C-alpha atoms as a PDB file:
ATOM      1  CA  MET A   1     113.595  96.293  93.739  1.00  0.00           C
ATOM      2  CA  THR A   2     110.262  97.618  92.568  1.00  0.00           C
ATOM      3  CA  SER A   3     109.331 101.274  92.606  1.00  0.00           C
ATOM      4  CA  ILE A   4     106.652 100.617  95.252  1.00  0.00           C
ATOM      5  CA  ALA A   5     109.358  99.098  97.470  1.00  0.00           C
ATOM      6  CA  ASN A   6     111.466 102.219  96.965  1.00  0.00           C
ATOM      7  CA  THR A   7     108.505 104.380  97.918  1.00  0.00           C
ATOM      8  CA  ILE A   8     107.857 102.290 101.054  1.00  0.00           C
ATOM      9  CA  GLU A   9     111.492 102.619 102.110  1.00  0.00           C
ATOM     10  CA  PHE A  10     111.376 106.383 101.494  1.00  0.00           C
ATOM     11  CA  ILE A  11     108.258 106.799 103.642  1.00  0.00           C
ATOM     12  CA  ALA A  12     109.421 104.374 106.369  1.00  0.00           C
ATOM     13  CA  ALA A  13     112.695 106.292 106.709  1.00  0.00           C
ATOM     14  CA  ARG A  14     110.738 109.438 107.512  1.00  0.00           C
ATOM     15  CA  ARG A  15     107.701 108.035 109.342  1.00  0.00           C
ATOM     16  CA  ALA A  16     108.770 104.862 111.139  1.00  0.00           C
ATOM     17  CA  GLY A  17     106.140 102.441 112.372  1.00  0.00           C
ATOM     18  CA  LEU A  18     103.380 103.023 109.849  1.00  0.00           C
ATOM     19  CA  SER A  19     101.105 100.036 109.280  1.00  0.00           C
ATOM     20  CA  ASP A  20     100.521  98.544 105.831  1.00  0.00           C
ATOM     21  CA  CYS A  21      97.160 100.309 105.717  1.00  0.00           C
ATOM     22  CA  GLU A  22      98.683 103.665 106.645  1.00  0.00           C
ATOM     23  CA  LEU A  23     101.419 103.193 104.030  1.00  0.00           C
ATOM     24  CA  ALA A  24      98.791 102.350 101.397  1.00  0.00           C
ATOM     25  CA  GLU A  25      96.891 105.533 102.198  1.00  0.00           C
ATOM     26  CA  ALA A  26     100.119 107.585 102.023  1.00  0.00           C
ATOM     27  CA  ILE A  27     101.040 106.091  98.633  1.00  0.00           C
ATOM     28  CA  TYR A  28      97.694 105.648  96.891  1.00  0.00           C
ATOM     29  CA  GLY A  29      95.396 107.978  98.838  1.00  0.00           C
ATOM     30  CA  LYS A  30      93.128 105.037  99.570  1.00  0.00           C
ATOM     31  CA  ARG A  31      93.280 101.622 101.124  1.00  0.00           C
ATOM     32  CA  LYS A  32      95.194  99.153  98.979  1.00  0.00           C
ATOM     33  CA  GLN A  33      96.642  97.266 101.900  1.00  0.00           C
ATOM     34  CA  GLN A  34      97.211  93.978 100.064  1.00  0.00           C
ATOM     35  CA  LEU A  35      99.522  95.580  97.505  1.00  0.00           C
ATOM     36  CA  VAL A  36     101.592  97.243 100.202  1.00  0.00           C
ATOM     37  CA  ASN A  37     101.572  94.168 102.445  1.00  0.00           C
ATOM     38  CA  GLY A  38     103.224  92.034  99.766  1.00  0.00           C
ATOM     39  CA  GLU A  39     105.930  94.630  99.179  1.00  0.00           C
ATOM     40  CA  CYS A  40     106.575  95.051 102.910  1.00  0.00           C
ATOM     41  CA  ARG A  41     106.968  91.287 103.282  1.00  0.00           C
ATOM     42  CA  TYR A  42     109.369  91.308 100.317  1.00  0.00           C
ATOM     43  CA  LEU A  43     111.419  94.064 101.967  1.00  0.00           C
ATOM     44  CA  GLU A  44     111.401  92.142 105.251  1.00  0.00           C
ATOM     45  CA  ARG A  45     112.818  89.047 103.532  1.00  0.00           C
ATOM     46  CA  ALA A  46     115.417  91.219 101.792  1.00  0.00           C
ATOM     47  CA  SER A  47     116.461  92.529 105.253  1.00  0.00           C
ATOM     48  CA  GLY A  48     115.527  96.100 104.434  1.00  0.00           C
ATOM     49  CA  LEU A  49     112.518  96.408 106.711  1.00  0.00           C
ATOM     50  CA  GLU A  50     111.534  95.158 110.142  1.00  0.00           C
ATOM     51  CA  ARG A  51     107.881  94.413 110.868  1.00  0.00           C
ATOM     52  CA  ARG A  52     106.945  94.386 114.544  1.00  0.00           C
ATOM     53  CA  PRO A  53     103.976  95.251 116.766  1.00  0.00           C
ATOM     54  CA  ARG A  54     103.561  98.876 117.811  1.00  0.00           C
ATOM     55  CA  ALA A  55     102.268  99.897 121.261  1.00  0.00           C
ATOM     56  CA  ASP A  56      98.676  99.697 119.921  1.00  0.00           C
ATOM     57  CA  GLY A  57      99.206  96.092 118.742  1.00  0.00           C
ATOM     58  CA  ILE A  58      99.187  96.902 115.015  1.00  0.00           C
ATOM     59  CA  ILE A  59     102.167  95.687 112.981  1.00  0.00           C
ATOM     60  CA  GLY A  60     104.414  98.631 112.114  1.00  0.00           C
ATOM     61  CA  ASN A  61     107.097  98.834 109.435  1.00  0.00           C
ATOM     62  CA  TYR A  62     110.548 100.101 110.397  1.00  0.00           C
ATOM     63  CA  LEU A  63     113.418 100.699 107.993  1.00  0.00           C
ATOM     64  CA  LEU A  64     116.610  98.973 109.115  1.00  0.00           C
ATOM     65  CA  SER A  65     119.673 101.172 109.203  1.00  0.00           C
ATOM     66  CA  TYR A  66     122.677 100.166 107.178  1.00  0.00           C
ATOM     67  CA  ASN A  67     125.760 100.840 109.281  1.00  0.00           C
END
């Protein structure tokens, strides 16, 4: 797993439902949505993250719990 993926998981565990754009701003301080989007899709395929629409219609990222 890449370090950006680790950072996304760390943030998603504490602030569930952030969009790719919001995650990019939290990580880089500016919009680098494409970089974050690719990592979020990687995490989704690896079953570590769920991507689903929030109440406002924007796709949010939610860390899956490992029970």
